[in-house]
Amino acid sequence: MPRLYGFEDASRRRLRDDEIDATRLMVSRALISDESNHDIAVWANGEGYRGTLGGEWKDASIGRLFRTPAIAGLRYDDDGELVDAGHLGAITREEFMALLAREEARSTKVPEPAYDYLLTGGASTCGNCKWDLGGARTNAVTPGYRCRPKDKNGHGGCGEVRIDAELLEGYVGEHVVAELLKPGIRAQIAQAQAAVRKQVEDLKRDIKELEGRQAELGRLYGNREISGEALVAGEREIASNLKGIRSRLRYAEQMANFSLGHAKDLVKWWNSAPTASKRGITLLLLEKIEVFPASARGVRTIEPGRVVLHWRKLSGTSGD
């Protein structure tokens, strides 16, 4: 039986620190910030969190996690009642009951179709506090980008920046296509992609080495050559490094794998290309996209200085 997210193994005798923190943050976003499962998945993926098999979080997988009583150290008995499961939990019983109530309320609503955000996951940041912008629907249910305010654990940004998704993505798309029309840009892109492909191999090697160190820690602890405290400290450091490198690998793979092919009409290509391809070329051409607050609420234009595009020097693209 595969292990449950947040636990070291299927027996659930020990919590997994890096995943426990992620679980609690996701639950807080659901119960305190009242975010949808989709928005929570977008945020989690942007933070570099992955499921137990390495896959990205989806609306459905967030929902399954929230409906699993084991995350609160509970189980259903033969009568369908929630009872103590005899193992640790990542959240409290009260939080789990609140999740169930939230899920029941969600099931009565007509779900909004998922929006495929182009500039989440670190591609766009808040100009005020440098926090990554995440996808978030407005009160009018329109897709947008938002700098999340800090939660009770101090995780988040200033909360001052919100912008319509179509407005921001259209602005960035226009500038990316204009850059693609410059003479000689395709040759520069090919050269930059070759460098990024080498980075992909280097990052994969770094991940393999860290996973080897992780396994060695487990062996040393099993042979009683190191203490439990040393094991936890070592695993925490490795997990933190792995999270950062896997995030960089994800970006590098997107930059390395897209293809313009033989597209002659780049505007038409951009308008019909998969989001992954558009994200890949955007990440390759732009080091970062900073978004600042509008001058007033309800502004529906990109005012001068509100969106700042930082272009890469392709010959020296690092992907970091």
C-alpha atoms as a PDB file:
ATOM      1  CA  MET A   1       0.000   0.000   0.000  1.00  0.00           C
ATOM      2  CA  PRO A   2       1.467   3.400  -0.925  1.00  0.00           C
ATOM      3  CA  ARG A   3       2.206   5.787   1.902  1.00  0.00           C
ATOM      4  CA  LEU A   4      -0.145   8.653   2.682  1.00  0.00           C
ATOM      5  CA  TYR A   5       1.126  12.154   2.022  1.00  0.00           C
ATOM      6  CA  GLY A   6       2.634  13.504   5.237  1.00  0.00           C
ATOM      7  CA  PHE A   7       3.828  10.152   6.588  1.00  0.00           C
ATOM      8  CA  GLU A   8       7.173   8.393   6.215  1.00  0.00           C
ATOM      9  CA  ASP A   9       5.683   4.992   5.376  1.00  0.00           C
ATOM     10  CA  ALA A  10       2.430   3.060   5.054  1.00  0.00           C
ATOM     11  CA  SER A  11       2.390   2.238   8.778  1.00  0.00           C
ATOM     12  CA  ARG A  12       2.090   5.986   9.556  1.00  0.00           C
ATOM     13  CA  ARG A  13       4.288   5.715  12.626  1.00  0.00           C
ATOM     14  CA  ARG A  14       6.293   8.831  11.819  1.00  0.00           C
ATOM     15  CA  LEU A  15       5.385  12.148  10.238  1.00  0.00           C
ATOM     16  CA  ARG A  16       7.378  13.480   7.278  1.00  0.00           C
ATOM     17  CA  ASP A  17       8.411  16.989   8.238  1.00  0.00           C
ATOM     18  CA  ASP A  18       8.504  18.660   4.804  1.00  0.00           C
ATOM     19  CA  GLU A  19       5.123  17.211   3.817  1.00  0.00           C
ATOM     20  CA  ILE A  20       3.507  17.880   7.194  1.00  0.00           C
ATOM     21  CA  ASP A  21       4.280  21.584   6.863  1.00  0.00           C
ATOM     22  CA  ALA A  22       2.788  21.574   3.354  1.00  0.00           C
ATOM     23  CA  THR A  23      -0.341  19.742   4.565  1.00  0.00           C
ATOM     24  CA  ARG A  24      -0.933  22.216   7.370  1.00  0.00           C
ATOM     25  CA  LEU A  25      -0.415  25.178   5.062  1.00  0.00           C
ATOM     26  CA  MET A  26      -2.863  23.739   2.530  1.00  0.00           C
ATOM     27  CA  VAL A  27      -5.444  23.157   5.252  1.00  0.00           C
ATOM     28  CA  SER A  28      -4.956  26.701   6.552  1.00  0.00           C
ATOM     29  CA  ARG A  29      -5.544  28.073   3.062  1.00  0.00           C
ATOM     30  CA  ALA A  30      -8.739  26.069   2.835  1.00  0.00           C
ATOM     31  CA  LEU A  31     -10.163  26.938   6.250  1.00  0.00           C
ATOM     32  CA  ILE A  32      -8.773  30.399   6.967  1.00  0.00           C
ATOM     33  CA  SER A  33      -8.248  31.986   3.544  1.00  0.00           C
ATOM     34  CA  ASP A  34     -11.241  30.130   2.026  1.00  0.00           C
ATOM     35  CA  GLU A  35      -9.318  29.268  -1.138  1.00  0.00           C
ATOM     36  CA  SER A  36     -10.634  26.725  -3.610  1.00  0.00           C
ATOM     37  CA  ASN A  37      -8.926  23.358  -4.026  1.00  0.00           C
ATOM     38  CA  HIS A  38      -7.782  24.507  -7.459  1.00  0.00           C
ATOM     39  CA  ASP A  39      -6.120  27.628  -6.066  1.00  0.00           C
ATOM     40  CA  ILE A  40      -4.505  25.570  -3.302  1.00  0.00           C
ATOM     41  CA  ALA A  41      -3.128  23.147  -5.910  1.00  0.00           C
ATOM     42  CA  VAL A  42      -1.731  26.048  -7.971  1.00  0.00           C
ATOM     43  CA  TRP A  43      -0.074  27.474  -4.864  1.00  0.00           C
ATOM     44  CA  ALA A  44       1.351  24.092  -3.752  1.00  0.00           C
ATOM     45  CA  ASN A  45       2.818  23.392  -7.191  1.00  0.00           C
ATOM     46  CA  GLY A  46       4.276  26.878  -7.288  1.00  0.00           C
ATOM     47  CA  GLU A  47       5.975  26.237  -3.957  1.00  0.00           C
ATOM     48  CA  GLY A  48       7.554  23.075  -5.354  1.00  0.00           C
ATOM     49  CA  TYR A  49       5.448  20.623  -3.308  1.00  0.00           C
ATOM     50  CA  ARG A  50       4.714  17.316  -5.031  1.00  0.00           C
ATOM     51  CA  GLY A  51       2.651  14.236  -4.229  1.00  0.00           C
ATOM     52  CA  THR A  52       4.202  11.023  -2.926  1.00  0.00           C
ATOM     53  CA  LEU A  53       4.859   9.803  -6.491  1.00  0.00           C
ATOM     54  CA  GLY A  54       6.261  13.118  -7.669  1.00  0.00           C
ATOM     55  CA  GLY A  55       3.149  14.318  -9.498  1.00  0.00           C
ATOM     56  CA  GLU A  56       1.728  17.830  -9.393  1.00  0.00           C
ATOM     57  CA  TRP A  57      -1.242  18.623  -7.188  1.00  0.00           C
ATOM     58  CA  LYS A  58      -4.674  18.880  -8.812  1.00  0.00           C
ATOM     59  CA  ASP A  59      -8.085  19.966  -7.557  1.00  0.00           C
ATOM     60  CA  ALA A  60      -9.042  16.281  -7.190  1.00  0.00           C
ATOM     61  CA  SER A  61      -5.896  15.236  -5.300  1.00  0.00           C
ATOM     62  CA  ILE A  62      -6.264  18.132  -2.850  1.00  0.00           C
ATOM     63  CA  GLY A  63      -9.876  17.042  -2.280  1.00  0.00           C
ATOM     64  CA  ARG A  64      -8.855  13.427  -1.670  1.00  0.00           C
ATOM     65  CA  LEU A  65      -6.247  14.505   0.875  1.00  0.00           C
ATOM     66  CA  PHE A  66      -8.761  16.692   2.700  1.00  0.00           C
ATOM     67  CA  ARG A  67     -11.271  13.804   2.852  1.00  0.00           C
ATOM     68  CA  THR A  68      -8.764  11.315   4.296  1.00  0.00           C
ATOM     69  CA  PRO A  69      -9.276  11.013   8.079  1.00  0.00           C
ATOM     70  CA  ALA A  70      -5.767   9.612   8.619  1.00  0.00           C
ATOM     71  CA  ILE A  71      -4.301  13.137   8.198  1.00  0.00           C
ATOM     72  CA  ALA A  72      -5.972  13.891  11.555  1.00  0.00           C
ATOM     73  CA  GLY A  73      -4.985  10.561  13.146  1.00  0.00           C
ATOM     74  CA  LEU A  74      -8.526   9.242  12.631  1.00  0.00           C
ATOM     75  CA  ARG A  75     -10.325   6.436  10.804  1.00  0.00           C
ATOM     76  CA  TYR A  76     -13.895   5.342  10.130  1.00  0.00           C
ATOM     77  CA  ASP A  77     -15.109   2.362  12.167  1.00  0.00           C
ATOM     78  CA  ASP A  78     -17.560  -0.272  10.936  1.00  0.00           C
ATOM     79  CA  ASP A  79     -20.471   2.016  11.786  1.00  0.00           C
ATOM     80  CA  GLY A  80     -19.005   4.898   9.782  1.00  0.00           C
ATOM     81  CA  GLU A  81     -18.053   6.838  12.901  1.00  0.00           C
ATOM     82  CA  LEU A  82     -14.764   8.688  13.182  1.00  0.00           C
ATOM     83  CA  VAL A  83     -12.507   7.143  15.839  1.00  0.00           C
ATOM     84  CA  ASP A  84      -8.870   7.403  16.897  1.00  0.00           C
ATOM     85  CA  ALA A  85      -6.693   5.494  14.424  1.00  0.00           C
ATOM     86  CA  GLY A  86      -3.820   5.010  16.865  1.00  0.00           C
ATOM     87  CA  HIS A  87      -1.250   7.040  14.948  1.00  0.00           C
ATOM     88  CA  LEU A  88      -0.158  10.658  14.729  1.00  0.00           C
ATOM     89  CA  GLY A  89      -2.008  13.199  12.638  1.00  0.00           C
ATOM     90  CA  ALA A  90      -0.906  16.317  10.811  1.00  0.00           C
ATOM     91  CA  ILE A  91      -4.008  18.315  11.775  1.00  0.00           C
ATOM     92  CA  THR A  92      -6.550  18.292  14.591  1.00  0.00           C
ATOM     93  CA  ARG A  93      -9.874  16.475  14.653  1.00  0.00           C
ATOM     94  CA  GLU A  94     -11.622  19.855  14.661  1.00  0.00           C
ATOM     95  CA  GLU A  95      -9.790  20.930  11.521  1.00  0.00           C
ATOM     96  CA  PHE A  96     -10.711  17.691   9.770  1.00  0.00           C
ATOM     97  CA  MET A  97     -14.390  18.116  10.693  1.00  0.00           C
ATOM     98  CA  ALA A  98     -14.220  21.660   9.296  1.00  0.00           C
ATOM     99  CA  LEU A  99     -12.736  20.255   6.076  1.00  0.00           C
ATOM    100  CA  LEU A 100     -15.623  17.794   5.773  1.00  0.00           C
ATOM    101  CA  ALA A 101     -18.138  20.596   6.278  1.00  0.00           C
ATOM    102  CA  ARG A 102     -16.317  22.666   3.667  1.00  0.00           C
ATOM    103  CA  GLU A 103     -16.347  19.754   1.223  1.00  0.00           C
ATOM    104  CA  GLU A 104     -20.079  19.275   1.698  1.00  0.00           C
ATOM    105  CA  ALA A 105     -20.667  22.988   1.031  1.00  0.00           C
ATOM    106  CA  ARG A 106     -18.471  22.820  -2.083  1.00  0.00           C
ATOM    107  CA  SER A 107     -20.416  19.890  -3.495  1.00  0.00           C
ATOM    108  CA  THR A 108     -23.575  22.032  -3.680  1.00  0.00           C
ATOM    109  CA  LYS A 109     -21.867  24.712  -5.806  1.00  0.00           C
ATOM    110  CA  VAL A 110     -21.505  24.674  -9.563  1.00  0.00           C
ATOM    111  CA  PRO A 111     -17.736  24.282 -10.045  1.00  0.00           C
ATOM    112  CA  GLU A 112     -15.903  26.842 -12.111  1.00  0.00           C
ATOM    113  CA  PRO A 113     -13.850  25.413 -14.979  1.00  0.00           C
ATOM    114  CA  ALA A 114     -10.152  25.216 -14.173  1.00  0.00           C
ATOM    115  CA  TYR A 115      -8.074  28.048 -15.588  1.00  0.00           C
ATOM    116  CA  ASP A 116      -4.669  27.206 -17.047  1.00  0.00           C
ATOM    117  CA  TYR A 117      -2.540  30.005 -15.591  1.00  0.00           C
ATOM    118  CA  LEU A 118       0.487  30.994 -17.658  1.00  0.00           C
ATOM    119  CA  LEU A 119       2.518  32.954 -15.115  1.00  0.00           C
ATOM    120  CA  THR A 120       2.237  31.109 -11.795  1.00  0.00           C
ATOM    121  CA  GLY A 121       4.939  28.997 -10.182  1.00  0.00           C
ATOM    122  CA  GLY A 122       7.470  31.805  -9.875  1.00  0.00           C
ATOM    123  CA  ALA A 123       7.074  33.268 -13.362  1.00  0.00           C
ATOM    124  CA  SER A 124       5.531  36.468 -11.938  1.00  0.00           C
ATOM    125  CA  THR A 125       6.238  38.195  -8.641  1.00  0.00           C
ATOM    126  CA  CYS A 126       4.871  41.023  -6.523  1.00  0.00           C
ATOM    127  CA  GLY A 127       6.836  44.216  -7.188  1.00  0.00           C
ATOM    128  CA  ASN A 128       6.303  45.327  -3.589  1.00  0.00           C
ATOM    129  CA  CYS A 129       7.447  42.311  -1.589  1.00  0.00           C
ATOM    130  CA  LYS A 130       8.878  39.935  -4.263  1.00  0.00           C
ATOM    131  CA  TRP A 131       6.434  37.160  -3.283  1.00  0.00           C
ATOM    132  CA  ASP A 132       5.410  34.862  -6.151  1.00  0.00           C
ATOM    133  CA  LEU A 133       1.986  35.678  -7.573  1.00  0.00           C
ATOM    134  CA  GLY A 134      -0.544  32.853  -7.509  1.00  0.00           C
ATOM    135  CA  GLY A 135      -3.719  32.205  -9.433  1.00  0.00           C
ATOM    136  CA  ALA A 136      -6.885  33.423  -7.719  1.00  0.00           C
ATOM    137  CA  ARG A 137     -10.368  34.171  -8.979  1.00  0.00           C
ATOM    138  CA  THR A 138     -11.912  37.521  -8.155  1.00  0.00           C
ATOM    139  CA  ASN A 139     -15.266  38.018  -6.465  1.00  0.00           C
ATOM    140  CA  ALA A 140     -16.694  38.092  -9.993  1.00  0.00           C
ATOM    141  CA  VAL A 141     -15.134  34.640 -10.551  1.00  0.00           C
ATOM    142  CA  THR A 142     -12.743  36.045 -13.153  1.00  0.00           C
ATOM    143  CA  PRO A 143      -9.282  34.396 -13.209  1.00  0.00           C
ATOM    144  CA  GLY A 144      -6.564  36.650 -11.869  1.00  0.00           C
ATOM    145  CA  TYR A 145      -3.182  36.806 -10.201  1.00  0.00           C
ATOM    146  CA  ARG A 146      -2.726  37.736  -6.591  1.00  0.00           C
ATOM    147  CA  CYS A 147      -0.010  38.306  -4.010  1.00  0.00           C
ATOM    148  CA  ARG A 148      -1.277  36.221  -1.113  1.00  0.00           C
ATOM    149  CA  PRO A 149      -1.288  37.994   2.273  1.00  0.00           C
ATOM    150  CA  LYS A 150       0.527  36.340   5.145  1.00  0.00           C
ATOM    151  CA  ASP A 151      -1.307  33.541   6.923  1.00  0.00           C
ATOM    152  CA  LYS A 152      -1.230  32.877  10.672  1.00  0.00           C
ATOM    153  CA  ASN A 153       2.153  31.162  10.259  1.00  0.00           C
ATOM    154  CA  GLY A 154       3.656  34.204   8.558  1.00  0.00           C
ATOM    155  CA  HIS A 155       3.745  32.485   5.161  1.00  0.00           C
ATOM    156  CA  GLY A 156       2.792  34.806   2.337  1.00  0.00           C
ATOM    157  CA  GLY A 157       3.379  38.246   0.874  1.00  0.00           C
ATOM    158  CA  CYS A 158       2.001  41.740   1.302  1.00  0.00           C
ATOM    159  CA  GLY A 159      -1.384  41.039  -0.309  1.00  0.00           C
ATOM    160  CA  GLU A 160      -1.317  44.381  -2.141  1.00  0.00           C
ATOM    161  CA  VAL A 161      -1.200  43.186  -5.759  1.00  0.00           C
ATOM    162  CA  ARG A 162      -4.080  41.774  -7.791  1.00  0.00           C
ATOM    163  CA  ILE A 163      -4.402  41.789 -11.569  1.00  0.00           C
ATOM    164  CA  ASP A 164      -6.735  40.249 -14.138  1.00  0.00           C
ATOM    165  CA  ALA A 165      -5.174  37.131 -15.705  1.00  0.00           C
ATOM    166  CA  GLU A 166      -6.202  37.946 -19.260  1.00  0.00           C
ATOM    167  CA  LEU A 167      -4.849  41.488 -18.930  1.00  0.00           C
ATOM    168  CA  LEU A 168      -1.435  40.408 -17.599  1.00  0.00           C
ATOM    169  CA  GLU A 169      -1.040  37.408 -19.897  1.00  0.00           C
ATOM    170  CA  GLY A 170      -2.043  39.469 -22.940  1.00  0.00           C
ATOM    171  CA  TYR A 171       0.514  42.147 -22.084  1.00  0.00           C
ATOM    172  CA  VAL A 172       3.305  39.617 -21.561  1.00  0.00           C
ATOM    173  CA  GLY A 173       2.304  37.692 -24.695  1.00  0.00           C
ATOM    174  CA  GLU A 174       2.489  40.801 -26.868  1.00  0.00           C
ATOM    175  CA  HIS A 175       6.024  41.549 -25.683  1.00  0.00           C
ATOM    176  CA  VAL A 176       7.189  37.937 -26.000  1.00  0.00           C
ATOM    177  CA  VAL A 177       5.905  37.708 -29.586  1.00  0.00           C
ATOM    178  CA  ALA A 178       7.549  41.056 -30.406  1.00  0.00           C
ATOM    179  CA  GLU A 179      10.831  39.669 -29.105  1.00  0.00           C
ATOM    180  CA  LEU A 180      10.422  36.532 -31.215  1.00  0.00           C
ATOM    181  CA  LEU A 181      10.082  38.695 -34.330  1.00  0.00           C
ATOM    182  CA  LYS A 182      13.565  40.170 -33.892  1.00  0.00           C
ATOM    183  CA  PRO A 183      16.190  39.010 -36.436  1.00  0.00           C
ATOM    184  CA  GLY A 184      18.358  36.112 -35.313  1.00  0.00           C
ATOM    185  CA  ILE A 185      16.280  35.357 -32.212  1.00  0.00           C
ATOM    186  CA  ARG A 186      15.622  31.722 -33.162  1.00  0.00           C
ATOM    187  CA  ALA A 187      19.337  30.944 -33.320  1.00  0.00           C
ATOM    188  CA  GLN A 188      19.789  32.548 -29.889  1.00  0.00           C
ATOM    189  CA  ILE A 189      16.877  30.523 -28.525  1.00  0.00           C
ATOM    190  CA  ALA A 190      18.368  27.283 -29.877  1.00  0.00           C
ATOM    191  CA  GLN A 191      21.715  28.119 -28.266  1.00  0.00           C
ATOM    192  CA  ALA A 192      20.059  28.996 -24.957  1.00  0.00           C
ATOM    193  CA  GLN A 193      18.003  25.796 -24.988  1.00  0.00           C
ATOM    194  CA  ALA A 194      21.146  23.729 -25.501  1.00  0.00           C
ATOM    195  CA  ALA A 195      22.616  25.319 -22.371  1.00  0.00           C
ATOM    196  CA  VAL A 196      19.400  24.698 -20.443  1.00  0.00           C
ATOM    197  CA  ARG A 197      19.349  21.033 -21.501  1.00  0.00           C
ATOM    198  CA  LYS A 198      22.780  20.637 -19.931  1.00  0.00           C
ATOM    199  CA  GLN A 199      21.405  22.236 -16.764  1.00  0.00           C
ATOM    200  CA  VAL A 200      18.577  19.699 -16.761  1.00  0.00           C
ATOM    201  CA  GLU A 201      21.100  16.850 -16.713  1.00  0.00           C
ATOM    202  CA  ASP A 202      23.145  18.566 -13.990  1.00  0.00           C
ATOM    203  CA  LEU A 203      20.055  19.121 -11.828  1.00  0.00           C
ATOM    204  CA  LYS A 204      18.949  15.507 -12.265  1.00  0.00           C
ATOM    205  CA  ARG A 205      22.396  14.385 -11.160  1.00  0.00           C
ATOM    206  CA  ASP A 206      22.202  16.663  -8.092  1.00  0.00           C
ATOM    207  CA  ILE A 207      18.806  15.190  -7.208  1.00  0.00           C
ATOM    208  CA  LYS A 208      20.133  11.651  -7.538  1.00  0.00           C
ATOM    209  CA  GLU A 209      23.070  12.480  -5.258  1.00  0.00           C
ATOM    210  CA  LEU A 210      20.788  14.011  -2.621  1.00  0.00           C
ATOM    211  CA  GLU A 211      18.449  11.016  -2.766  1.00  0.00           C
ATOM    212  CA  GLY A 212      21.503   8.808  -2.263  1.00  0.00           C
ATOM    213  CA  ARG A 213      22.464  10.838   0.803  1.00  0.00           C
ATOM    214  CA  GLN A 214      18.896  10.473   2.050  1.00  0.00           C
ATOM    215  CA  ALA A 215      19.070   6.687   1.709  1.00  0.00           C
ATOM    216  CA  GLU A 216      22.469   6.647   3.424  1.00  0.00           C
ATOM    217  CA  LEU A 217      21.033   8.569   6.380  1.00  0.00           C
ATOM    218  CA  GLY A 218      18.327   5.926   6.713  1.00  0.00           C
ATOM    219  CA  ARG A 219      20.935   3.160   6.605  1.00  0.00           C
ATOM    220  CA  LEU A 220      23.080   4.843   9.258  1.00  0.00           C
ATOM    221  CA  TYR A 221      20.058   5.328  11.511  1.00  0.00           C
ATOM    222  CA  GLY A 222      18.966   1.715  10.968  1.00  0.00           C
ATOM    223  CA  ASN A 223      22.452   0.561  12.023  1.00  0.00           C
ATOM    224  CA  ARG A 224      22.286   2.892  15.053  1.00  0.00           C
ATOM    225  CA  GLU A 225      25.305   4.831  13.820  1.00  0.00           C
ATOM    226  CA  ILE A 226      23.509   8.175  14.158  1.00  0.00           C
ATOM    227  CA  SER A 227      20.815   9.461  16.524  1.00  0.00           C
ATOM    228  CA  GLY A 228      17.207  10.159  15.681  1.00  0.00           C
ATOM    229  CA  GLU A 229      17.918  13.879  16.083  1.00  0.00           C
ATOM    230  CA  ALA A 230      20.744  13.684  13.549  1.00  0.00           C
ATOM    231  CA  LEU A 231      18.488  11.780  11.173  1.00  0.00           C
ATOM    232  CA  VAL A 232      15.717  14.362  11.398  1.00  0.00           C
ATOM    233  CA  ALA A 233      18.141  17.279  10.975  1.00  0.00           C
ATOM    234  CA  GLY A 234      19.815  15.637   7.998  1.00  0.00           C
ATOM    235  CA  GLU A 235      16.531  14.729   6.322  1.00  0.00           C
ATOM    236  CA  ARG A 236      15.192  18.243   6.839  1.00  0.00           C
ATOM    237  CA  GLU A 237      18.236  19.799   5.164  1.00  0.00           C
ATOM    238  CA  ILE A 238      18.134  17.330   2.270  1.00  0.00           C
ATOM    239  CA  ALA A 239      14.375  17.807   1.815  1.00  0.00           C
ATOM    240  CA  SER A 240      14.852  21.574   1.646  1.00  0.00           C
ATOM    241  CA  ASN A 241      17.602  21.220  -0.960  1.00  0.00           C
ATOM    242  CA  LEU A 242      15.554  18.740  -2.975  1.00  0.00           C
ATOM    243  CA  LYS A 243      12.576  21.070  -3.003  1.00  0.00           C
ATOM    244  CA  GLY A 244      14.644  23.916  -4.416  1.00  0.00           C
ATOM    245  CA  ILE A 245      16.401  21.809  -7.020  1.00  0.00           C
ATOM    246  CA  ARG A 246      13.194  20.095  -8.184  1.00  0.00           C
ATOM    247  CA  SER A 247      11.588  23.495  -8.627  1.00  0.00           C
ATOM    248  CA  ARG A 248      14.544  24.661 -10.731  1.00  0.00           C
ATOM    249  CA  LEU A 249      14.433  21.398 -12.690  1.00  0.00           C
ATOM    250  CA  ARG A 250      10.749  21.895 -13.481  1.00  0.00           C
ATOM    251  CA  TYR A 251      11.421  25.357 -14.884  1.00  0.00           C
ATOM    252  CA  ALA A 252      14.491  24.188 -16.807  1.00  0.00           C
ATOM    253  CA  GLU A 253      12.589  21.301 -18.401  1.00  0.00           C
ATOM    254  CA  GLN A 254       9.851  23.644 -19.557  1.00  0.00           C
ATOM    255  CA  MET A 255      12.432  25.972 -21.100  1.00  0.00           C
ATOM    256  CA  ALA A 256      14.267  23.098 -22.779  1.00  0.00           C
ATOM    257  CA  ASN A 257      11.300  21.216 -24.195  1.00  0.00           C
ATOM    258  CA  PHE A 258       9.127  23.757 -26.025  1.00  0.00           C
ATOM    259  CA  SER A 259       9.502  24.154 -29.794  1.00  0.00           C
ATOM    260  CA  LEU A 260       8.570  26.897 -32.225  1.00  0.00           C
ATOM    261  CA  GLY A 261       8.878  24.379 -35.034  1.00  0.00           C
ATOM    262  CA  HIS A 262       8.481  26.042 -38.424  1.00  0.00           C
ATOM    263  CA  ALA A 263       5.893  28.553 -37.298  1.00  0.00           C
ATOM    264  CA  LYS A 264       5.848  31.522 -39.664  1.00  0.00           C
ATOM    265  CA  ASP A 265       2.977  33.443 -38.109  1.00  0.00           C
ATOM    266  CA  LEU A 266       4.224  33.778 -34.520  1.00  0.00           C
ATOM    267  CA  VAL A 267       1.115  35.627 -33.379  1.00  0.00           C
ATOM    268  CA  LYS A 268      -1.035  32.719 -34.565  1.00  0.00           C
ATOM    269  CA  TRP A 269       1.383  30.238 -32.974  1.00  0.00           C
ATOM    270  CA  TRP A 270       1.218  32.041 -29.627  1.00  0.00           C
ATOM    271  CA  ASN A 271      -2.575  32.186 -29.654  1.00  0.00           C
ATOM    272  CA  SER A 272      -2.915  28.452 -30.343  1.00  0.00           C
ATOM    273  CA  ALA A 273       0.134  26.991 -28.560  1.00  0.00           C
ATOM    274  CA  PRO A 274      -0.320  24.880 -25.390  1.00  0.00           C
ATOM    275  CA  THR A 275       0.214  26.803 -22.162  1.00  0.00           C
ATOM    276  CA  ALA A 276       3.270  24.656 -21.364  1.00  0.00           C
ATOM    277  CA  SER A 277       4.957  25.781 -24.598  1.00  0.00           C
ATOM    278  CA  LYS A 278       4.110  29.438 -23.985  1.00  0.00           C
ATOM    279  CA  ARG A 279       5.357  29.159 -20.407  1.00  0.00           C
ATOM    280  CA  GLY A 280       8.579  27.526 -21.587  1.00  0.00           C
ATOM    281  CA  ILE A 281       9.461  30.316 -24.001  1.00  0.00           C
ATOM    282  CA  THR A 282       8.352  32.985 -21.525  1.00  0.00           C
ATOM    283  CA  LEU A 283      10.685  31.552 -18.870  1.00  0.00           C
ATOM    284  CA  LEU A 284      13.486  31.359 -21.407  1.00  0.00           C
ATOM    285  CA  LEU A 285      13.130  34.957 -22.560  1.00  0.00           C
ATOM    286  CA  LEU A 286      12.173  36.595 -19.265  1.00  0.00           C
ATOM    287  CA  GLU A 287      14.131  36.298 -16.049  1.00  0.00           C
ATOM    288  CA  LYS A 288      11.192  37.622 -14.045  1.00  0.00           C
ATOM    289  CA  ILE A 289       7.981  39.597 -14.334  1.00  0.00           C
ATOM    290  CA  GLU A 290       7.268  42.118 -11.583  1.00  0.00           C
ATOM    291  CA  VAL A 291       3.726  43.370 -11.041  1.00  0.00           C
ATOM    292  CA  PHE A 292       3.026  46.458  -8.922  1.00  0.00           C
ATOM    293  CA  PRO A 293      -0.302  47.685  -7.504  1.00  0.00           C
ATOM    294  CA  ALA A 294      -2.621  49.691  -9.749  1.00  0.00           C
ATOM    295  CA  SER A 295      -3.074  53.379  -8.995  1.00  0.00           C
ATOM    296  CA  ALA A 296      -6.679  52.712  -7.961  1.00  0.00           C
ATOM    297  CA  ARG A 297      -9.139  49.852  -7.572  1.00  0.00           C
ATOM    298  CA  GLY A 298     -10.779  48.578 -10.727  1.00  0.00           C
ATOM    299  CA  VAL A 299      -8.104  49.808 -13.160  1.00  0.00           C
ATOM    300  CA  ARG A 300      -8.409  47.627 -16.270  1.00  0.00           C
ATOM    301  CA  THR A 301      -5.290  48.722 -18.111  1.00  0.00           C
ATOM    302  CA  ILE A 302      -1.570  48.157 -17.719  1.00  0.00           C
ATOM    303  CA  GLU A 303      -0.462  51.543 -16.443  1.00  0.00           C
ATOM    304  CA  PRO A 304       3.108  52.691 -17.142  1.00  0.00           C
ATOM    305  CA  GLY A 305       5.492  50.984 -14.725  1.00  0.00           C
ATOM    306  CA  ARG A 306       2.910  48.592 -13.339  1.00  0.00           C
ATOM    307  CA  VAL A 307       4.373  45.520 -15.075  1.00  0.00           C
ATOM    308  CA  VAL A 308       8.158  45.359 -15.376  1.00  0.00           C
ATOM    309  CA  LEU A 309       9.649  42.739 -17.690  1.00  0.00           C
ATOM    310  CA  HIS A 310      13.223  41.623 -16.964  1.00  0.00           C
ATOM    311  CA  TRP A 311      14.691  40.105 -20.130  1.00  0.00           C
ATOM    312  CA  ARG A 312      17.396  37.464 -20.073  1.00  0.00           C
ATOM    313  CA  LYS A 313      20.616  37.674 -22.018  1.00  0.00           C
ATOM    314  CA  LEU A 314      20.083  34.471 -23.979  1.00  0.00           C
ATOM    315  CA  SER A 315      23.743  33.725 -24.562  1.00  0.00           C
ATOM    316  CA  GLY A 316      24.196  33.473 -20.806  1.00  0.00           C
ATOM    317  CA  THR A 317      20.882  31.940 -19.797  1.00  0.00           C
ATOM    318  CA  SER A 318      21.233  30.160 -16.472  1.00  0.00           C
ATOM    319  CA  GLY A 319      17.628  29.217 -15.674  1.00  0.00           C
ATOM    320  CA  ASP A 320      18.153  30.083 -12.010  1.00  0.00           C
END
